[in-house]
Amino acid sequence: MYQRERIIPYKRMRRFLKQELDGDVTEGSVKYVTTLLESQLKELCQVVVIQHQEDNRLRVFHGLPERKRIDVTLYKKFVDIPYKSASDLNVEGEEANSVYTPLSSKEASIEVQ
């Protein structure tokens, strides 16, 4: 299993992938997709925090009170962040290091909508 804290539980991700793909999935593919989603989520949150700080700086400049909570509109602004290649992700497990997995093939494409 994982040696780090998991944001997305392994069993839940495996169940979701099996349901959506109508078949069983390997441990390596579950770890890869989980790591990919966690890294994208972390990157999105970092961008949103920076934007929140900038918005608060402008609010203080204009004499308005700072917002304490991050609004959903900040996330909606960054939905169109281009997909970043995840080839450098560190995924543990034997299957993750194999030459071919369905998620690492050149034919596979991931769309972010």
C-alpha atoms as a PDB file:
ATOM      1  CA  MET A   1       0.000   0.000   0.000  1.00  0.00           C
ATOM      2  CA  TYR A   2       0.922   3.635   0.221  1.00  0.00           C
ATOM      3  CA  GLN A   3       3.749   4.911   2.382  1.00  0.00           C
ATOM      4  CA  ARG A   4       2.299   8.422   2.413  1.00  0.00           C
ATOM      5  CA  GLU A   5      -0.917  10.032   3.542  1.00  0.00           C
ATOM      6  CA  ARG A   6      -3.665   9.428   1.015  1.00  0.00           C
ATOM      7  CA  ILE A   7      -6.120  12.127   0.020  1.00  0.00           C
ATOM      8  CA  ILE A   8      -8.199   9.800  -2.150  1.00  0.00           C
ATOM      9  CA  PRO A   9      -8.731   6.351  -0.595  1.00  0.00           C
ATOM     10  CA  TYR A  10      -7.343   3.468  -2.666  1.00  0.00           C
ATOM     11  CA  LYS A  11     -10.412   1.235  -2.370  1.00  0.00           C
ATOM     12  CA  ARG A  12     -12.809   4.021  -3.360  1.00  0.00           C
ATOM     13  CA  MET A  13     -10.716   4.898  -6.427  1.00  0.00           C
ATOM     14  CA  ARG A  14     -10.462   1.235  -7.444  1.00  0.00           C
ATOM     15  CA  ARG A  15     -14.221   0.781  -7.082  1.00  0.00           C
ATOM     16  CA  PHE A  16     -14.847   3.904  -9.162  1.00  0.00           C
ATOM     17  CA  LEU A  17     -12.447   2.848 -11.938  1.00  0.00           C
ATOM     18  CA  LYS A  18     -13.873  -0.683 -12.084  1.00  0.00           C
ATOM     19  CA  GLN A  19     -17.383   0.722 -12.353  1.00  0.00           C
ATOM     20  CA  GLU A  20     -16.537   3.299 -15.032  1.00  0.00           C
ATOM     21  CA  LEU A  21     -14.279   1.005 -17.077  1.00  0.00           C
ATOM     22  CA  ASP A  22     -16.576  -2.042 -16.846  1.00  0.00           C
ATOM     23  CA  GLY A  23     -13.696  -4.286 -15.823  1.00  0.00           C
ATOM     24  CA  ASP A  24     -10.964  -4.940 -13.320  1.00  0.00           C
ATOM     25  CA  VAL A  25      -7.966  -2.614 -13.059  1.00  0.00           C
ATOM     26  CA  THR A  26      -4.411  -3.200 -11.899  1.00  0.00           C
ATOM     27  CA  GLU A  27      -2.999  -1.871  -8.656  1.00  0.00           C
ATOM     28  CA  GLY A  28      -0.516   0.234 -10.623  1.00  0.00           C
ATOM     29  CA  SER A  29      -3.211   1.939 -12.648  1.00  0.00           C
ATOM     30  CA  VAL A  30      -5.219   2.764  -9.514  1.00  0.00           C
ATOM     31  CA  LYS A  31      -2.117   4.263  -7.881  1.00  0.00           C
ATOM     32  CA  TYR A  32      -1.256   6.205 -11.048  1.00  0.00           C
ATOM     33  CA  VAL A  33      -4.710   7.752 -11.414  1.00  0.00           C
ATOM     34  CA  THR A  34      -4.879   8.525  -7.690  1.00  0.00           C
ATOM     35  CA  THR A  35      -1.463  10.199  -7.738  1.00  0.00           C
ATOM     36  CA  LEU A  36      -2.368  12.104 -10.903  1.00  0.00           C
ATOM     37  CA  LEU A  37      -5.595  13.458  -9.427  1.00  0.00           C
ATOM     38  CA  GLU A  38      -3.982  14.335  -6.107  1.00  0.00           C
ATOM     39  CA  SER A  39      -1.187  16.272  -7.824  1.00  0.00           C
ATOM     40  CA  GLN A  40      -3.648  18.143 -10.044  1.00  0.00           C
ATOM     41  CA  LEU A  41      -5.798  18.975  -7.013  1.00  0.00           C
ATOM     42  CA  LYS A  42      -2.756  20.233  -5.100  1.00  0.00           C
ATOM     43  CA  GLU A  43      -1.720  22.430  -8.038  1.00  0.00           C
ATOM     44  CA  LEU A  44      -5.231  23.832  -8.414  1.00  0.00           C
ATOM     45  CA  CYS A  45      -5.415  24.679  -4.707  1.00  0.00           C
ATOM     46  CA  GLN A  46      -2.068  26.457  -4.801  1.00  0.00           C
ATOM     47  CA  VAL A  47      -3.252  28.651  -7.682  1.00  0.00           C
ATOM     48  CA  VAL A  48      -6.542  29.391  -5.911  1.00  0.00           C
ATOM     49  CA  VAL A  49      -4.780  30.373  -2.662  1.00  0.00           C
ATOM     50  CA  ILE A  50      -2.538  32.802  -4.550  1.00  0.00           C
ATOM     51  CA  GLN A  51      -5.582  34.330  -6.281  1.00  0.00           C
ATOM     52  CA  HIS A  52      -7.426  34.575  -2.941  1.00  0.00           C
ATOM     53  CA  GLN A  53      -4.492  36.435  -1.408  1.00  0.00           C
ATOM     54  CA  GLU A  54      -4.362  38.803  -4.396  1.00  0.00           C
ATOM     55  CA  ASP A  55      -8.114  39.463  -4.163  1.00  0.00           C
ATOM     56  CA  ASN A  56      -7.778  40.232  -0.448  1.00  0.00           C
ATOM     57  CA  ARG A  57      -4.861  42.574  -1.125  1.00  0.00           C
ATOM     58  CA  LEU A  58      -7.027  44.491  -3.603  1.00  0.00           C
ATOM     59  CA  ARG A  59      -9.970  44.534  -1.183  1.00  0.00           C
ATOM     60  CA  VAL A  60      -7.803  46.035   1.571  1.00  0.00           C
ATOM     61  CA  PHE A  61      -6.426  48.607  -0.902  1.00  0.00           C
ATOM     62  CA  HIS A  62     -10.009  49.687  -1.688  1.00  0.00           C
ATOM     63  CA  GLY A  63     -10.989  49.807   1.979  1.00  0.00           C
ATOM     64  CA  LEU A  64     -13.092  46.628   1.955  1.00  0.00           C
ATOM     65  CA  PRO A  65     -12.809  43.868   4.556  1.00  0.00           C
ATOM     66  CA  GLU A  66     -10.822  40.757   3.688  1.00  0.00           C
ATOM     67  CA  ARG A  67     -12.690  37.591   2.810  1.00  0.00           C
ATOM     68  CA  LYS A  68     -12.005  34.836   5.308  1.00  0.00           C
ATOM     69  CA  ARG A  69     -13.201  31.935   3.144  1.00  0.00           C
ATOM     70  CA  ILE A  70     -12.266  30.965  -0.372  1.00  0.00           C
ATOM     71  CA  ASP A  71     -15.249  31.370  -2.671  1.00  0.00           C
ATOM     72  CA  VAL A  72     -16.231  28.814  -5.311  1.00  0.00           C
ATOM     73  CA  THR A  73     -15.846  31.447  -8.035  1.00  0.00           C
ATOM     74  CA  LEU A  74     -12.059  31.258  -7.625  1.00  0.00           C
ATOM     75  CA  TYR A  75     -12.138  27.561  -8.500  1.00  0.00           C
ATOM     76  CA  LYS A  76     -14.421  28.175 -11.453  1.00  0.00           C
ATOM     77  CA  LYS A  77     -11.929  30.686 -12.894  1.00  0.00           C
ATOM     78  CA  PHE A  78      -9.250  28.013 -13.123  1.00  0.00           C
ATOM     79  CA  VAL A  79     -11.215  25.114 -14.593  1.00  0.00           C
ATOM     80  CA  ASP A  80      -9.443  25.638 -17.908  1.00  0.00           C
ATOM     81  CA  ILE A  81      -5.966  25.030 -16.506  1.00  0.00           C
ATOM     82  CA  PRO A  82      -4.182  23.003 -19.199  1.00  0.00           C
ATOM     83  CA  TYR A  83      -3.501  19.369 -18.433  1.00  0.00           C
ATOM     84  CA  LYS A  84       0.052  18.871 -17.174  1.00  0.00           C
ATOM     85  CA  SER A  85       1.887  15.705 -18.132  1.00  0.00           C
ATOM     86  CA  ALA A  86       2.254  13.385 -15.170  1.00  0.00           C
ATOM     87  CA  SER A  87       5.213  11.381 -16.463  1.00  0.00           C
ATOM     88  CA  ASP A  88       7.358  12.546 -13.546  1.00  0.00           C
ATOM     89  CA  LEU A  89       4.959  11.334 -10.846  1.00  0.00           C
ATOM     90  CA  ASN A  90       6.477   8.959  -8.294  1.00  0.00           C
ATOM     91  CA  VAL A  91       4.193   5.933  -8.014  1.00  0.00           C
ATOM     92  CA  GLU A  92       5.169   2.944  -5.893  1.00  0.00           C
ATOM     93  CA  GLY A  93       4.562  -0.642  -6.932  1.00  0.00           C
ATOM     94  CA  GLU A  94       5.871  -3.144  -9.436  1.00  0.00           C
ATOM     95  CA  GLU A  95       3.124  -2.610 -11.993  1.00  0.00           C
ATOM     96  CA  ALA A  96       3.659   1.146 -12.017  1.00  0.00           C
ATOM     97  CA  ASN A  97       7.198   0.568 -13.334  1.00  0.00           C
ATOM     98  CA  SER A  98       6.160  -1.789 -16.124  1.00  0.00           C
ATOM     99  CA  VAL A  99       6.728  -0.793 -19.738  1.00  0.00           C
ATOM    100  CA  TYR A 100       3.046  -0.841 -20.710  1.00  0.00           C
ATOM    101  CA  THR A 101      -0.053  -0.061 -18.744  1.00  0.00           C
ATOM    102  CA  PRO A 102      -3.323   1.143 -20.268  1.00  0.00           C
ATOM    103  CA  LEU A 103      -2.883   4.547 -18.633  1.00  0.00           C
ATOM    104  CA  SER A 104       0.685   5.023 -19.848  1.00  0.00           C
ATOM    105  CA  SER A 105       0.194   4.061 -23.474  1.00  0.00           C
ATOM    106  CA  LYS A 106       0.518   6.708 -26.139  1.00  0.00           C
ATOM    107  CA  GLU A 107      -2.979   5.848 -27.337  1.00  0.00           C
ATOM    108  CA  ALA A 108      -4.576   6.787 -23.996  1.00  0.00           C
ATOM    109  CA  SER A 109      -5.771  10.345 -23.699  1.00  0.00           C
ATOM    110  CA  ILE A 110      -7.023  12.169 -20.645  1.00  0.00           C
ATOM    111  CA  GLU A 111      -9.396  15.079 -21.005  1.00  0.00           C
ATOM    112  CA  VAL A 112     -10.060  17.564 -18.256  1.00  0.00           C
ATOM    113  CA  GLN A 113     -13.398  19.267 -18.572  1.00  0.00           C
END
